[in-house]
Amino acid sequence: MSVTTEELLGFDEALERYDPVMGLEVHVELGTSTKMFCSCPTEFGAEPNTQVCPTCLGLPGSLPVVNGTAVEGAIRIGLALHCEIAEWCRFARKNYFYPDMPKNFQTSQYDEPISYNGYLDVEVEGQTFRIGIERAHMEEDTGKSTHVGGATGRIHGAEYSLVDYNRAGIPLIEIVTKPIEVPGHLAPAVARAYVTELRELIRALGVSEARMERGQMRCDVNLSLRPKGETKFGTRSETKNVNSLRSVERATRFEIQRHAAVLASGGKIVQETRHFHENDGTTTSGRVKEEAEDYRYFPEPDLVPVAPSREWVEQLRGTLPESPTVRRRRLAEEWGISDFDMQTVVNAGALDAIVATIDAGAPADQARKWWTSELARVANERGVDVAELPIAPAQVARVVALIAAGELTDKLARQVVEGVLAGEGDPDAVVAARGLKVVSDDSALLAAIDEAIAANAAVAEKIRGGNHAAVGVIIGAVMKATRGQADAARVRELVLGRLS
């Protein structure tokens, strides 16, 4: 049963009737230099089908070999998630047909994952929620299909499809949560907070850049509803490959409302995969979801089991960095901000960008100000995460330096940031091209001041009479004459000097 946007139940009404249960599956591409089972490079953006070989194409007679660096990354992720690390595990073949999977099976792990039974704590609205981790297992990525000629970019309605196998075989870690049951109104925020926390953890470990816009980290949102007071889980849907923090929250919220509308009208939820649409925040049906037995898992005969020694595991445990929670507390203390202020930084998805801006020379308060106000506003308007904006932390630090040097006002600086975001170059190039540098020559300012005084003689007399509040009129006229490129404080000082 399909539901139109107009037929959706309101979010609050949905939660009055039903309790949501979530399960999140996050796929993380490891940042190894070669693929999971062959020596093909993993460079992003290479020409299609130039980073392939008989092994990752699944050609007859080719044999896979496990990437040791990928196994190390998998163990470190498992340890950071407080998981148990298997003393012995093996790969399995997951059999299903998909055009961008050249072997017609995916080499993955099924009932014998490398790590299992862990947790990750997240904070939302002052509450801490412990998200249970069912397992974090190793597998390989698929290729990438591009559907050409249709209106939606999906296979339905396309004229033809192109397949790039460069990504096929890149090491993946799939992190699967246990069922997540939290207060319903917080479910979308908890989903986003979990993926945010996980991304910070992955980056801190150095095992992946986890850039969601590049597909290096993708989230499948499983959701079901059950009537209030019942304990049995409802039928779930799985919204696939959600690729931004904002979209994780929106997809969760939409599915709660969609499920509720279907159930409230007497319909039944179909267990299926769904596609999320960034443009309007909705989901549409993909295909009926298979059960585990439909994949006909069986042990991979071409790979030996993986048996990490306890000594190696403990050695890797000693390489773990501070957790994101400890890091945030340390930074909050260094920056002299409250837990609430730090939560604002985290909610904006700007923590790493702020740290990098500080490392580039900006004071902490200025770095935080620009990323959580102006840049967060722009990101919200564009419907992207702040980290996806086309401006580098070093460029923000340069804008801050120009303000500190008196060469830009805050107003002019916003125009410079606007130019950088528009692709006009680095801050200095934007300043030069747009002519935005502050007018600091007192002679030029005095000429503009004299003109403003002459044009506002009555106001000037009030100022001479001691009514300094009226000086704003003269300052406004000077700022207009200089196209906002004068330092208002310096203009005020010169005006009062002129009229004293």
Protein backbone atom coordinates (compact mmCIF):
# COMPACT_ATOMS: atom_id res chain seq x y z
CA MET A 1 0.00 0.00 0.00
CA SER A 2 1.50 3.31 -1.08
CA VAL A 3 1.00 6.58 0.75
CA THR A 4 1.17 10.05 -0.73
CA THR A 5 2.80 12.92 1.12
CA GLU A 6 -0.66 14.41 1.69
CA GLU A 7 -1.82 11.17 3.36
CA LEU A 8 1.04 11.01 5.87
CA LEU A 9 0.12 11.04 9.52
CA GLY A 10 1.51 13.95 11.50
CA PHE A 11 4.65 13.05 13.41
CA ASP A 12 3.09 13.70 16.83
CA GLU A 13 -0.09 11.82 15.92
CA ALA A 14 1.96 8.84 14.73
CA LEU A 15 3.79 8.68 18.05
CA GLU A 16 0.54 8.84 20.00
CA ARG A 17 -0.45 5.52 18.42
CA TYR A 18 2.82 3.70 17.77
CA ASP A 19 6.33 3.15 19.12
CA PRO A 20 9.17 3.08 16.58
CA VAL A 21 11.92 0.44 16.62
CA MET A 22 15.03 1.12 14.57
CA GLY A 23 17.97 -0.85 13.30
CA LEU A 24 20.85 0.93 11.57
CA GLU A 25 23.31 -0.71 9.21
CA VAL A 26 26.30 1.46 8.36
CA HIS A 27 28.74 0.53 5.60
CA VAL A 28 32.21 2.06 5.88
CA GLU A 29 34.74 1.88 3.05
CA LEU A 30 38.19 1.35 4.54
CA GLY A 31 40.90 3.70 3.32
CA THR A 32 43.28 0.98 2.17
CA SER A 33 45.47 1.52 -0.88
CA THR A 34 44.35 -1.76 -2.46
CA LYS A 35 41.13 -3.75 -2.58
CA MET A 36 39.91 -6.40 -0.15
CA PHE A 37 40.96 -9.47 -2.13
CA CYS A 38 43.30 -8.20 -4.86
CA SER A 39 46.00 -5.60 -5.45
CA CYS A 40 43.91 -3.19 -7.55
CA PRO A 41 44.18 0.44 -6.38
CA THR A 42 41.26 2.16 -4.66
CA GLU A 43 41.82 5.76 -5.78
CA PHE A 44 38.57 7.74 -5.86
CA GLY A 45 37.54 9.36 -9.13
CA ALA A 46 39.63 7.28 -11.55
CA GLU A 47 38.37 6.67 -15.07
CA PRO A 48 35.65 3.99 -15.07
CA ASN A 49 36.81 0.39 -15.15
CA THR A 50 40.52 1.23 -14.99
CA GLN A 51 41.07 -0.21 -11.50
CA VAL A 52 39.96 -3.77 -12.09
CA CYS A 53 41.55 -7.21 -12.54
CA PRO A 54 40.39 -10.81 -13.02
CA THR A 55 39.93 -11.26 -9.26
CA CYS A 56 37.64 -8.30 -8.54
CA LEU A 57 35.80 -8.95 -11.83
CA GLY A 58 35.21 -12.56 -10.77
CA LEU A 59 36.76 -14.10 -13.86
CA PRO A 60 37.27 -17.90 -13.92
CA GLY A 61 40.51 -19.13 -12.44
CA SER A 62 41.22 -16.04 -10.32
CA LEU A 63 41.83 -16.48 -6.60
CA PRO A 64 41.32 -13.91 -3.81
CA VAL A 65 43.82 -13.07 -1.06
CA VAL A 66 42.72 -11.24 2.12
CA ASN A 67 44.02 -7.69 2.62
CA GLY A 68 45.81 -7.72 6.00
CA THR A 69 45.47 -3.96 6.48
CA ALA A 70 41.71 -4.28 6.07
CA VAL A 71 41.58 -6.99 8.73
CA GLU A 72 43.56 -4.72 11.05
CA GLY A 73 41.12 -1.87 10.40
CA ALA A 74 38.18 -4.15 11.09
CA ILE A 75 39.64 -5.23 14.42
CA ARG A 76 40.38 -1.65 15.47
CA ILE A 77 36.80 -0.63 14.64
CA GLY A 78 35.47 -3.57 16.62
CA LEU A 79 37.62 -2.69 19.63
CA ALA A 80 36.57 0.97 19.49
CA LEU A 81 32.94 -0.20 19.53
CA HIS A 82 33.61 -2.32 22.66
CA CYS A 83 33.03 -5.51 20.67
CA GLU A 84 34.34 -8.98 21.30
CA ILE A 85 36.91 -9.97 18.67
CA ALA A 86 36.51 -13.46 17.25
CA GLU A 87 39.39 -15.86 17.75
CA TRP A 88 38.39 -17.54 14.50
CA CYS A 89 36.10 -16.37 11.72
CA ARG A 90 35.66 -16.88 8.02
CA PHE A 91 34.15 -15.38 4.91
CA ALA A 92 30.99 -16.52 3.20
CA ARG A 93 29.41 -16.11 -0.22
CA LYS A 94 26.23 -14.04 -0.22
CA ASN A 95 24.45 -15.02 -3.43
CA TYR A 96 22.23 -12.59 -5.27
CA PHE A 97 22.11 -10.95 -8.67
CA TYR A 98 22.83 -7.27 -9.07
CA PRO A 99 24.20 -5.71 -12.27
CA ASP A 100 27.07 -3.92 -10.50
CA MET A 101 28.24 -7.07 -8.68
CA PRO A 102 30.40 -8.87 -11.24
CA LYS A 103 30.66 -12.24 -9.45
CA ASN A 104 26.90 -12.57 -8.79
CA PHE A 105 27.83 -13.10 -5.16
CA GLN A 106 29.36 -10.86 -2.53
CA THR A 107 32.23 -12.09 -0.39
CA SER A 108 31.03 -11.18 3.09
CA GLN A 109 30.66 -12.61 6.58
CA TYR A 110 27.44 -14.06 7.89
CA ASP A 111 27.18 -15.99 11.15
CA GLU A 112 30.89 -15.76 11.94
CA PRO A 113 31.78 -12.03 11.99
CA ILE A 114 35.14 -10.72 13.09
CA SER A 115 33.59 -8.62 15.89
CA TYR A 116 30.29 -8.75 17.71
CA ASN A 117 28.30 -7.73 20.80
CA GLY A 118 29.46 -4.16 21.37
CA TYR A 119 27.94 -0.73 21.94
CA LEU A 120 28.28 2.98 21.25
CA ASP A 121 26.93 5.70 23.54
CA VAL A 122 25.33 8.80 22.04
CA GLU A 123 23.99 11.96 23.64
CA VAL A 124 20.72 13.62 22.59
CA GLU A 125 19.03 16.48 24.46
CA GLY A 126 21.09 15.85 27.57
CA GLN A 127 20.34 12.13 27.67
CA THR A 128 22.78 9.30 26.95
CA PHE A 129 21.54 6.35 24.90
CA ARG A 130 23.53 3.15 24.60
CA ILE A 131 23.21 1.74 21.08
CA GLY A 132 23.92 -1.99 21.05
CA ILE A 133 26.12 -3.32 18.24
CA GLU A 134 25.09 -6.74 16.95
CA ARG A 135 28.20 -7.19 14.80
CA ALA A 136 30.76 -5.42 12.65
CA HIS A 137 31.82 -7.67 9.82
CA MET A 138 34.09 -7.54 6.78
CA GLU A 139 32.93 -7.66 3.18
CA GLU A 140 33.61 -6.16 -0.23
CA ASP A 141 31.85 -3.27 -1.94
CA THR A 142 29.95 -3.56 -5.20
CA GLY A 143 30.44 -1.53 -8.36
CA LYS A 144 28.44 1.54 -9.27
CA SER A 145 25.59 1.77 -11.78
CA THR A 146 24.68 5.00 -13.55
CA HIS A 147 21.23 5.07 -15.13
CA VAL A 148 21.08 7.45 -18.08
CA GLY A 149 18.11 9.14 -19.72
CA GLY A 150 15.47 8.92 -17.03
CA ALA A 151 14.03 11.71 -14.91
CA THR A 152 14.96 10.24 -11.52
CA GLY A 153 18.45 8.81 -12.04
CA ARG A 154 17.08 5.35 -11.20
CA ILE A 155 16.76 2.33 -13.45
CA HIS A 156 13.01 2.72 -14.02
CA GLY A 157 12.53 4.96 -17.04
CA ALA A 158 16.21 5.09 -17.95
CA GLU A 159 17.29 4.62 -21.56
CA TYR A 160 20.37 2.62 -20.64
CA SER A 161 22.72 1.93 -17.72
CA LEU A 162 26.50 2.14 -17.35
CA VAL A 163 28.46 0.10 -14.84
CA ASP A 164 31.80 1.09 -13.28
CA TYR A 165 33.54 -1.77 -11.45
CA ASN A 166 36.32 0.36 -9.94
CA ARG A 167 34.56 0.25 -6.56
CA ALA A 168 33.89 -3.49 -6.73
CA GLY A 169 36.09 -5.20 -4.17
CA ILE A 170 36.93 -2.17 -2.01
CA PRO A 171 37.04 -3.27 1.67
CA LEU A 172 33.86 -2.59 3.59
CA ILE A 173 32.98 -2.89 7.25
CA GLU A 174 29.26 -3.29 7.87
CA ILE A 175 28.26 -2.22 11.38
CA VAL A 176 24.84 -3.54 12.41
CA THR A 177 23.02 -2.35 15.51
CA LYS A 178 20.74 -4.32 17.76
CA PRO A 179 17.11 -3.07 17.82
CA ILE A 180 17.07 0.55 19.01
CA GLU A 181 14.15 1.51 21.23
CA VAL A 182 14.16 5.12 22.43
CA PRO A 183 11.42 7.67 23.17
CA GLY A 184 9.63 8.05 19.85
CA HIS A 185 10.01 11.80 19.50
CA LEU A 186 13.79 11.39 19.78
CA ALA A 187 14.15 8.51 17.32
CA PRO A 188 15.15 10.61 14.27
CA ALA A 189 17.64 12.63 16.34
CA VAL A 190 19.10 9.48 17.93
CA ALA A 191 19.57 7.93 14.48
CA ARG A 192 21.44 11.00 13.32
CA ALA A 193 23.47 11.22 16.53
CA TYR A 194 24.51 7.57 16.22
CA VAL A 195 25.77 7.96 12.64
CA THR A 196 27.47 11.24 13.60
CA GLU A 197 29.23 9.61 16.55
CA LEU A 198 30.20 6.61 14.45
CA ARG A 199 31.65 8.84 11.73
CA GLU A 200 33.72 10.73 14.30
CA LEU A 201 34.98 7.45 15.71
CA ILE A 202 35.92 6.07 12.27
CA ARG A 203 37.80 9.25 11.42
CA ALA A 204 39.58 9.30 14.76
CA LEU A 205 40.76 5.74 14.11
CA GLY A 206 42.19 6.85 10.76
CA VAL A 207 40.75 3.82 8.96
CA SER A 208 38.55 5.84 6.60
CA GLU A 209 37.77 9.44 5.69
CA ALA A 210 34.09 8.41 6.00
CA ARG A 211 33.02 11.05 3.48
CA MET A 212 29.34 10.36 3.00
CA GLU A 213 29.09 12.52 -0.12
CA ARG A 214 31.61 10.15 -1.77
CA GLY A 215 29.82 7.02 -0.62
CA GLN A 216 32.63 6.13 1.80
CA MET A 217 30.03 5.81 4.53
CA ARG A 218 26.40 4.89 3.87
CA CYS A 219 23.53 4.11 6.20
CA ASP A 220 20.59 1.74 5.76
CA VAL A 221 17.71 2.77 8.02
CA ASN A 222 15.54 -0.16 9.16
CA LEU A 223 12.32 0.91 10.83
CA SER A 224 9.16 -0.66 12.14
CA LEU A 225 6.25 0.49 14.30
CA ARG A 226 4.23 -1.36 16.89
CA PRO A 227 1.00 -0.24 18.54
CA LYS A 228 1.35 1.31 21.97
CA GLY A 229 1.48 -1.28 24.71
CA GLU A 230 2.52 -4.19 22.47
CA THR A 231 5.91 -5.92 22.59
CA LYS A 232 6.05 -7.72 19.25
CA PHE A 233 8.06 -5.91 16.59
CA GLY A 234 6.24 -4.77 13.49
CA THR A 235 7.23 -5.43 9.87
CA ARG A 236 10.26 -3.37 8.90
CA SER A 237 11.26 -1.40 5.86
CA GLU A 238 14.89 -0.76 4.93
CA THR A 239 15.75 2.61 3.41
CA LYS A 240 19.01 1.98 1.55
CA ASN A 241 22.22 3.96 1.11
CA VAL A 242 21.27 7.18 2.91
CA ASN A 243 24.36 9.33 2.43
CA SER A 244 24.21 12.33 4.76
CA LEU A 245 23.61 12.92 8.45
CA ARG A 246 20.67 15.20 7.72
CA SER A 247 19.12 12.58 5.45
CA VAL A 248 19.38 9.86 8.11
CA GLU A 249 17.22 11.99 10.38
CA ARG A 250 14.77 12.92 7.61
CA ALA A 251 14.43 9.34 6.34
CA THR A 252 13.71 8.07 9.86
CA ARG A 253 11.07 10.73 10.45
CA PHE A 254 9.39 10.14 7.08
CA GLU A 255 9.23 6.36 7.54
CA ILE A 256 7.64 6.78 10.98
CA GLN A 257 4.92 8.91 9.43
CA ARG A 258 4.50 6.63 6.40
CA HIS A 259 4.27 3.43 8.45
CA ALA A 260 1.76 5.07 10.78
CA ALA A 261 -0.41 6.22 7.89
CA VAL A 262 -0.47 2.72 6.35
CA LEU A 263 -1.25 1.00 9.66
CA ALA A 264 -3.85 3.57 10.72
CA SER A 265 -5.75 3.06 7.46
CA GLY A 266 -5.86 -0.70 7.96
CA GLY A 267 -3.05 -1.53 5.54
CA LYS A 268 -0.02 -3.76 6.03
CA ILE A 269 3.64 -2.84 5.84
CA VAL A 270 5.57 -4.70 3.16
CA GLN A 271 9.09 -5.85 4.07
CA GLU A 272 11.03 -4.10 1.34
CA THR A 273 13.96 -1.91 0.50
CA ARG A 274 13.22 1.75 -0.18
CA HIS A 275 15.02 4.66 -1.83
CA PHE A 276 15.41 8.03 -0.11
CA HIS A 277 14.95 11.21 -2.17
CA GLU A 278 17.06 14.17 -1.10
CA ASN A 279 14.93 16.73 -2.92
CA ASP A 280 11.78 16.25 -0.85
CA GLY A 281 12.76 13.94 2.03
CA THR A 282 10.48 11.10 0.93
CA THR A 283 11.09 7.41 0.26
CA THR A 284 9.79 5.17 -2.52
CA SER A 285 9.61 1.41 -2.88
CA GLY A 286 12.61 -0.47 -4.24
CA ARG A 287 12.25 -4.24 -4.10
CA VAL A 288 10.82 -6.85 -1.76
CA LYS A 289 13.41 -7.54 0.94
CA GLU A 290 14.96 -10.98 1.01
CA GLU A 291 15.34 -13.06 4.15
CA ALA A 292 18.79 -14.34 5.11
CA GLU A 293 18.06 -17.83 3.74
CA ASP A 294 17.31 -16.33 0.32
CA TYR A 295 20.96 -15.37 -0.02
CA ARG A 296 22.07 -19.04 0.23
CA TYR A 297 25.09 -18.21 2.36
CA PHE A 298 27.86 -20.80 2.40
CA PRO A 299 31.53 -20.64 3.46
CA GLU A 300 33.87 -19.09 0.88
CA PRO A 301 35.95 -22.05 -0.38
CA ASP A 302 38.78 -19.92 -1.81
CA LEU A 303 39.72 -18.14 1.43
CA VAL A 304 41.25 -19.53 4.61
CA PRO A 305 39.69 -18.55 7.96
CA VAL A 306 40.93 -15.45 9.79
CA ALA A 307 42.30 -16.17 13.26
CA PRO A 308 43.75 -13.02 14.86
CA SER A 309 46.04 -13.85 17.78
CA ARG A 310 45.15 -12.43 21.18
CA GLU A 311 48.57 -10.74 21.31
CA TRP A 312 47.86 -8.89 18.06
CA VAL A 313 44.39 -7.86 19.23
CA GLU A 314 45.80 -6.41 22.45
CA GLN A 315 48.52 -4.65 20.51
CA LEU A 316 45.87 -3.03 18.31
CA ARG A 317 43.84 -2.10 21.39
CA GLY A 318 46.82 -0.05 22.51
CA THR A 319 46.67 2.01 19.29
CA LEU A 320 43.12 3.27 19.86
CA PRO A 321 42.78 7.07 20.07
CA GLU A 322 40.68 8.89 22.65
CA SER A 323 36.96 8.33 22.13
CA PRO A 324 34.85 11.09 20.53
CA THR A 325 33.17 11.70 23.90
CA VAL A 326 36.50 12.20 25.70
CA ARG A 327 37.74 14.36 22.83
CA ARG A 328 34.68 16.61 22.97
CA ARG A 329 35.05 17.09 26.72
CA ARG A 330 38.73 17.93 26.32
CA LEU A 331 38.04 20.42 23.53
CA ALA A 332 35.16 22.02 25.44
CA GLU A 333 37.52 22.61 28.34
CA GLU A 334 40.25 23.98 26.07
CA TRP A 335 37.80 26.32 24.32
CA GLY A 336 36.07 27.34 27.55
CA ILE A 337 32.56 26.46 26.37
CA SER A 338 29.64 24.67 28.02
CA ASP A 339 28.30 21.22 27.22
CA PHE A 340 25.34 22.93 25.55
CA ASP A 341 27.65 24.94 23.29
CA MET A 342 29.59 21.80 22.39
CA GLN A 343 26.33 20.04 21.56
CA THR A 344 25.53 22.92 19.20
CA VAL A 345 28.86 22.30 17.48
CA VAL A 346 28.13 18.57 17.18
CA ASN A 347 24.58 19.15 15.94
CA ALA A 348 25.99 21.41 13.24
CA GLY A 349 28.40 18.65 12.20
CA ALA A 350 31.21 21.18 12.46
CA LEU A 351 33.56 19.78 15.11
CA ASP A 352 36.31 18.54 12.79
CA ALA A 353 36.10 21.67 10.64
CA ILE A 354 36.46 23.90 13.71
CA VAL A 355 39.46 21.93 14.97
CA ALA A 356 41.10 22.18 11.53
CA THR A 357 40.38 25.93 11.39
CA ILE A 358 42.01 26.40 14.79
CA ASP A 359 44.98 24.33 13.64
CA ALA A 360 45.22 26.71 10.66
CA GLY A 361 45.69 29.65 13.04
CA ALA A 362 42.22 30.95 13.94
CA PRO A 363 41.21 31.65 17.56
CA ALA A 364 38.79 29.02 18.90
CA ASP A 365 35.91 31.43 19.44
CA GLN A 366 36.16 32.83 15.91
CA ALA A 367 36.46 29.40 14.30
CA ARG A 368 33.41 28.22 16.23
CA LYS A 369 31.47 31.38 15.40
CA TRP A 370 31.92 31.07 11.62
CA TRP A 371 31.19 27.36 11.35
CA THR A 372 28.17 27.25 13.67
CA SER A 373 26.52 30.46 12.47
CA GLU A 374 27.20 31.72 8.94
CA LEU A 375 28.36 28.44 7.41
CA ALA A 376 25.77 26.34 9.24
CA ARG A 377 23.11 28.71 7.89
CA VAL A 378 24.36 28.29 4.32
CA ALA A 379 24.52 24.51 4.73
CA ASN A 380 20.93 24.46 5.98
CA GLU A 381 19.78 26.58 3.03
CA ARG A 382 21.51 24.25 0.58
CA GLY A 383 20.25 21.12 2.31
CA VAL A 384 23.73 19.66 2.85
CA ASP A 385 25.95 18.89 5.83
CA VAL A 386 28.27 21.74 6.79
CA ALA A 387 31.33 19.58 6.06
CA GLU A 388 30.19 19.28 2.45
CA LEU A 389 30.40 23.03 1.78
CA PRO A 390 33.10 23.94 -0.78
CA ILE A 391 35.21 25.93 1.67
CA ALA A 392 38.30 24.64 3.49
CA PRO A 393 39.11 25.26 7.16
CA ALA A 394 42.32 27.05 6.07
CA GLN A 395 40.20 29.45 4.00
CA VAL A 396 37.97 30.21 6.97
CA ALA A 397 41.09 30.80 9.07
CA ARG A 398 42.34 33.26 6.45
CA VAL A 399 39.06 35.19 6.58
CA VAL A 400 39.39 35.39 10.36
CA ALA A 401 42.98 36.64 9.99
CA LEU A 402 41.88 39.37 7.56
CA ILE A 403 39.27 40.54 10.07
CA ALA A 404 41.84 40.57 12.88
CA ALA A 405 44.21 42.60 10.70
CA GLY A 406 41.52 45.21 10.15
CA GLU A 407 41.35 44.48 6.43
CA LEU A 408 37.80 43.15 6.58
CA THR A 409 34.71 43.88 8.63
CA ASP A 410 32.35 41.07 9.57
CA LYS A 411 29.97 42.25 6.86
CA LEU A 412 32.68 42.25 4.21
CA ALA A 413 33.93 38.90 5.48
CA ARG A 414 30.53 37.36 4.84
CA GLN A 415 30.79 38.54 1.24
CA VAL A 416 34.24 36.97 1.01
CA VAL A 417 32.90 33.66 2.32
CA GLU A 418 30.08 33.91 -0.19
CA GLY A 419 32.64 34.33 -2.97
CA VAL A 420 34.70 31.35 -1.82
CA LEU A 421 31.56 29.20 -1.69
CA ALA A 422 30.70 30.36 -5.21
CA GLY A 423 34.05 29.07 -6.48
CA GLU A 424 35.68 32.47 -7.00
CA GLY A 425 38.96 31.38 -5.39
CA ASP A 426 40.72 31.80 -2.06
CA PRO A 427 39.73 34.65 0.29
CA ASP A 428 42.50 36.99 -0.92
CA ALA A 429 41.48 36.45 -4.54
CA VAL A 430 37.83 37.20 -3.70
CA VAL A 431 38.82 40.36 -1.80
CA ALA A 432 40.86 41.58 -4.78
CA ALA A 433 38.29 40.64 -7.44
CA ARG A 434 35.34 42.16 -5.57
CA GLY A 435 37.25 45.11 -4.16
CA LEU A 436 36.21 44.30 -0.59
CA LYS A 437 39.17 45.48 1.48
CA VAL A 438 38.35 47.90 4.29
CA VAL A 439 38.96 51.58 3.50
CA SER A 440 41.58 52.37 6.14
CA ASP A 441 42.98 55.60 4.66
CA ASP A 442 41.83 58.34 7.06
CA SER A 443 42.01 60.97 4.32
CA ALA A 444 39.57 58.98 2.18
CA LEU A 445 37.30 58.45 5.17
CA LEU A 446 37.41 62.14 6.12
CA ALA A 447 36.39 63.12 2.59
CA ALA A 448 33.37 60.80 2.83
CA ILE A 449 32.61 62.10 6.34
CA ASP A 450 32.68 65.72 5.20
CA GLU A 451 30.26 64.92 2.41
CA ALA A 452 27.93 63.13 4.85
CA ILE A 453 28.07 66.06 7.30
CA ALA A 454 27.25 68.52 4.53
CA ALA A 455 24.32 66.40 3.42
CA ASN A 456 23.01 66.04 6.99
CA ALA A 457 23.62 69.49 8.47
CA ALA A 458 20.76 69.31 10.99
CA VAL A 459 22.04 65.99 12.35
CA ALA A 460 25.55 67.38 12.55
CA GLU A 461 24.28 70.26 14.72
CA LYS A 462 22.64 67.78 17.11
CA ILE A 463 25.94 65.96 17.45
CA ARG A 464 27.78 69.24 18.10
CA GLY A 465 25.19 69.92 20.79
CA GLY A 466 26.12 66.69 22.58
CA ASN A 467 23.55 64.29 21.12
CA HIS A 468 26.02 61.56 20.21
CA ALA A 469 23.22 59.06 19.56
CA ALA A 470 22.59 60.88 16.30
CA VAL A 471 26.05 59.96 15.00
CA GLY A 472 24.60 56.76 13.55
CA VAL A 473 23.02 58.73 10.72
CA ILE A 474 26.41 60.09 9.63
CA ILE A 475 28.07 56.71 10.03
CA GLY A 476 25.35 55.09 7.90
CA ALA A 477 25.88 57.66 5.15
CA VAL A 478 29.65 57.06 5.18
CA MET A 479 29.21 53.29 5.12
CA LYS A 480 26.90 53.65 2.12
CA ALA A 481 29.37 55.91 0.35
CA THR A 482 32.20 53.41 0.92
CA ARG A 483 30.01 50.40 -0.01
CA GLY A 484 30.33 49.07 3.52
CA GLN A 485 34.11 48.95 3.30
CA ALA A 486 34.81 51.36 6.15
CA ASP A 487 35.47 50.38 9.75
CA ALA A 488 32.36 51.69 11.52
CA ALA A 489 34.22 52.15 14.81
CA ARG A 490 36.91 54.22 13.12
CA VAL A 491 34.27 56.25 11.26
CA ARG A 492 32.51 57.05 14.54
CA GLU A 493 35.78 58.17 16.06
CA LEU A 494 36.55 60.48 13.11
CA VAL A 495 33.03 61.91 12.96
CA LEU A 496 33.02 62.82 16.65
CA GLY A 497 36.49 64.33 16.24
CA ARG A 498 35.29 66.39 13.28
CA LEU A 499 32.24 67.71 15.10
CA SER A 500 33.69 68.24 18.58
